[in-house]
Amino acid sequence: MDCKPHPSVDAFLEEETRWRPEFEALRDIVLPSGLTEEVKWGKPTYSLDGQNVVLVHGFKDYAALLFMKGALMKDEDKVLIQQTKNVQSARQIRFTSVDEIKRMDNMLKAYIDEAISIERSGQKVVKKTTADFAVAEEFQARLDGDPALKAAFEALTPGRQRGYLLFFSSAKQAKTREARIDKCVPQILAGKGLDD
């Protein structure tokens, strides 16, 4: 059962300049899967019963097909890529040409079918908890010295806490970590996440 093309994706493709042919080729592969097509996060997204399964997106150097629960997939062809070390669930397959996508057509369809099966099964990716993330020593010192900041940080959702922890610890220099912490303290005290 083919998926019905959504006008919002048509409009997205009309505006796309860098990866339009690749996005169209990927769309042609995903549409026959029966997933629901729409635009989410500004990208063509394909879902099953309201649960996101596959997303098409592009970057400076490549277009990609992103599997939302890619960490659970077998990846027998060893093509799934973890975008960064902090991405826990999603995995992507990257492309730089339409020819590359066409050569992988059957494999991509099999991967999409597997992703749909995983979603139907109800499997969940076991994600790291906030306690599993490193706390920059500069931030820990601030938390230890400021009970109001500590209480505000602990009141944040786990996702917001992880966002801050990753942001602070990803800076290589102490000076940069301290500057990031200084900038974010008012947001934390206001109960807001990094991107709020």
Protein backbone atom coordinates (compact mmCIF):
# COMPACT_ATOMS: atom_id res chain seq x y z
CA MET A 1 0.00 0.00 0.00
CA ASP A 2 1.63 3.19 -1.19
CA CYS A 3 1.88 6.26 0.97
CA LYS A 4 0.00 9.31 -0.31
CA PRO A 5 2.32 12.19 -1.24
CA HIS A 6 1.73 15.16 1.06
CA PRO A 7 1.52 18.71 -0.35
CA SER A 8 3.84 20.00 2.39
CA VAL A 9 6.59 17.71 1.11
CA ASP A 10 5.91 18.86 -2.45
CA ALA A 11 6.37 22.45 -1.25
CA PHE A 12 9.54 21.48 0.66
CA LEU A 13 11.03 19.92 -2.47
CA GLU A 14 10.16 22.98 -4.57
CA GLU A 15 12.26 25.10 -2.20
CA GLU A 16 15.17 22.66 -1.90
CA THR A 17 18.22 23.63 -3.94
CA ARG A 18 21.20 21.56 -2.76
CA TRP A 19 19.80 18.03 -2.48
CA ARG A 20 16.51 18.11 -4.38
CA PRO A 21 17.27 15.24 -6.83
CA GLU A 22 18.53 13.05 -3.97
CA PHE A 23 15.52 13.88 -1.79
CA GLU A 24 13.15 13.06 -4.66
CA ALA A 25 14.91 9.72 -5.23
CA LEU A 26 14.66 8.88 -1.53
CA ARG A 27 11.01 9.90 -1.49
CA ASP A 28 10.33 7.55 -4.41
CA ILE A 29 11.82 4.70 -2.37
CA VAL A 30 9.93 5.52 0.85
CA LEU A 31 6.47 6.28 -0.59
CA PRO A 32 5.61 2.66 -1.51
CA SER A 33 6.18 1.62 2.14
CA GLY A 34 2.74 2.77 3.25
CA LEU A 35 4.09 5.17 5.86
CA THR A 36 2.37 8.53 6.36
CA GLU A 37 4.27 11.40 4.75
CA GLU A 38 4.44 14.90 6.23
CA VAL A 39 6.92 17.63 7.09
CA LYS A 40 8.20 17.67 10.68
CA TRP A 41 11.16 19.68 11.94
CA GLY A 42 11.25 21.18 8.45
CA LYS A 43 12.09 17.79 6.87
CA PRO A 44 10.11 15.10 5.01
CA THR A 45 9.15 12.61 7.71
CA TYR A 46 7.45 9.23 7.41
CA SER A 47 5.46 7.77 10.29
CA LEU A 48 3.43 4.73 11.27
CA ASP A 49 0.37 5.34 13.46
CA GLY A 50 1.81 8.68 14.55
CA GLN A 51 5.26 7.29 15.39
CA ASN A 52 8.16 8.64 13.32
CA VAL A 53 10.04 5.92 11.46
CA VAL A 54 12.16 7.56 8.73
CA LEU A 55 13.23 11.12 7.98
CA VAL A 56 14.91 12.58 4.88
CA HIS A 57 17.37 15.38 5.50
CA GLY A 58 20.44 17.05 4.10
CA PHE A 59 23.65 18.58 5.28
CA LYS A 60 26.45 20.47 3.58
CA ASP A 61 28.24 17.35 2.35
CA TYR A 62 25.50 14.73 2.10
CA ALA A 63 21.81 13.86 1.99
CA ALA A 64 20.60 11.23 4.43
CA LEU A 65 17.85 8.79 5.22
CA LEU A 66 17.53 8.76 9.01
CA PHE A 67 15.98 5.81 10.84
CA MET A 68 14.52 6.97 14.14
CA LYS A 69 15.20 3.61 15.86
CA GLY A 70 18.23 2.74 13.78
CA ALA A 71 20.13 1.57 16.86
CA LEU A 72 17.79 -1.45 16.96
CA MET A 73 18.33 -2.39 13.32
CA LYS A 74 20.53 -5.32 12.27
CA ASP A 75 22.50 -3.25 9.71
CA GLU A 76 23.77 -6.31 7.87
CA ASP A 77 25.22 -4.09 5.13
CA LYS A 78 27.07 -1.91 7.69
CA VAL A 79 25.76 1.36 6.24
CA LEU A 80 24.07 2.94 9.28
CA ILE A 81 25.96 5.84 10.80
CA GLN A 82 25.58 7.30 14.28
CA GLN A 83 25.57 11.02 13.51
CA THR A 84 27.41 11.96 16.70
CA LYS A 85 28.48 9.94 19.75
CA ASN A 86 25.60 11.45 21.73
CA VAL A 87 22.83 10.31 19.38
CA GLN A 88 21.34 7.32 21.15
CA SER A 89 18.58 6.02 18.87
CA ALA A 90 18.70 7.39 15.33
CA ARG A 91 21.05 6.17 12.61
CA GLN A 92 21.44 7.49 9.10
CA ILE A 93 22.52 6.32 5.68
CA ARG A 94 24.37 9.05 3.79
CA PHE A 95 24.36 9.80 0.06
CA THR A 96 26.12 12.21 -2.24
CA SER A 97 24.39 11.35 -5.54
CA VAL A 98 21.20 9.99 -7.05
CA ASP A 99 23.21 7.17 -8.65
CA GLU A 100 24.34 6.03 -5.21
CA ILE A 101 20.72 5.97 -4.02
CA LYS A 102 19.60 4.02 -7.09
CA ARG A 103 22.35 1.43 -6.57
CA MET A 104 21.13 0.93 -3.01
CA ASP A 105 17.41 0.84 -3.92
CA ASN A 106 16.65 -2.75 -2.84
CA MET A 107 18.77 -2.50 0.29
CA LEU A 108 17.07 0.77 1.30
CA LYS A 109 13.63 -0.80 0.85
CA ALA A 110 14.69 -3.71 3.06
CA TYR A 111 15.97 -1.30 5.73
CA ILE A 112 12.70 0.67 5.60
CA ASP A 113 10.74 -2.59 5.96
CA GLU A 114 12.87 -3.54 8.97
CA ALA A 115 12.32 -0.11 10.54
CA ILE A 116 8.56 -0.52 10.08
CA SER A 117 8.69 -3.99 11.67
CA ILE A 118 10.60 -2.60 14.65
CA GLU A 119 8.00 0.15 15.08
CA ARG A 120 5.13 -2.32 14.84
CA SER A 121 6.76 -4.56 17.43
CA GLY A 122 6.78 -1.76 19.98
CA GLN A 123 10.52 -2.12 20.65
CA LYS A 124 12.13 0.81 22.40
CA VAL A 125 15.73 1.97 22.43
CA VAL A 126 17.09 1.84 25.97
CA LYS A 127 18.55 5.29 26.40
CA LYS A 128 21.19 6.46 28.80
CA THR A 129 19.88 8.22 31.87
CA THR A 130 21.04 11.65 32.93
CA ALA A 131 23.28 9.98 35.52
CA ASP A 132 25.18 8.29 32.66
CA PHE A 133 26.33 11.65 31.25
CA ALA A 134 29.54 13.36 32.34
CA VAL A 135 29.15 16.52 34.40
CA ALA A 136 31.79 19.13 33.60
CA GLU A 137 33.77 19.82 36.77
CA GLU A 138 33.12 23.56 36.40
CA PHE A 139 29.37 22.94 36.37
CA GLN A 140 29.56 20.53 39.30
CA ALA A 141 31.42 23.19 41.30
CA ARG A 142 28.66 25.71 40.48
CA LEU A 143 25.96 23.25 41.52
CA ASP A 144 27.78 22.47 44.77
CA GLY A 145 28.17 26.17 45.58
CA ASP A 146 24.69 27.36 44.59
CA PRO A 147 21.75 25.47 46.14
CA ALA A 148 19.20 27.46 44.07
CA LEU A 149 20.97 26.52 40.84
CA LYS A 150 21.18 22.88 41.92
CA ALA A 151 17.46 22.79 42.76
CA ALA A 152 16.55 24.46 39.47
CA PHE A 153 18.72 22.05 37.49
CA GLU A 154 17.27 19.02 39.26
CA ALA A 155 13.75 20.32 38.52
CA LEU A 156 14.42 20.30 34.76
CA THR A 157 13.24 17.39 32.66
CA PRO A 158 15.89 14.71 32.07
CA GLY A 159 16.16 15.74 28.41
CA ARG A 160 16.85 19.35 29.33
CA GLN A 161 19.41 18.25 31.90
CA ARG A 162 21.19 16.10 29.30
CA GLY A 163 21.16 18.98 26.83
CA TYR A 164 23.00 21.22 29.25
CA LEU A 165 25.42 18.50 30.33
CA LEU A 166 26.35 17.75 26.72
CA PHE A 167 26.67 21.44 25.87
CA PHE A 168 28.95 22.15 28.83
CA SER A 169 31.13 19.05 28.55
CA SER A 170 31.62 19.32 24.78
CA ALA A 171 33.79 22.43 25.18
CA LYS A 172 37.46 21.50 25.22
CA GLN A 173 38.74 24.44 27.25
CA ALA A 174 37.76 25.27 30.84
CA LYS A 175 37.35 28.92 29.89
CA THR A 176 34.78 28.00 27.25
CA ARG A 177 32.95 25.67 29.63
CA GLU A 178 32.77 28.43 32.24
CA ALA A 179 31.48 30.94 29.66
CA ARG A 180 28.78 28.50 28.57
CA ILE A 181 27.75 27.86 32.15
CA ASP A 182 27.62 31.61 32.91
CA LYS A 183 25.42 32.18 29.86
CA CYS A 184 23.04 29.32 30.75
CA VAL A 185 22.60 29.82 34.49
CA PRO A 186 19.72 32.35 34.03
CA GLN A 187 17.92 29.91 31.71
CA ILE A 188 18.33 27.05 34.17
CA LEU A 189 17.05 29.22 37.02
CA ALA A 190 14.05 30.13 34.84
CA GLY A 191 13.30 26.43 34.30
CA LYS A 192 14.13 26.55 30.61
CA GLY A 193 16.05 24.14 28.44
CA LEU A 194 19.04 25.00 26.30
CA ASP A 195 16.91 25.63 23.20
CA ASP A 196 13.84 27.17 24.87
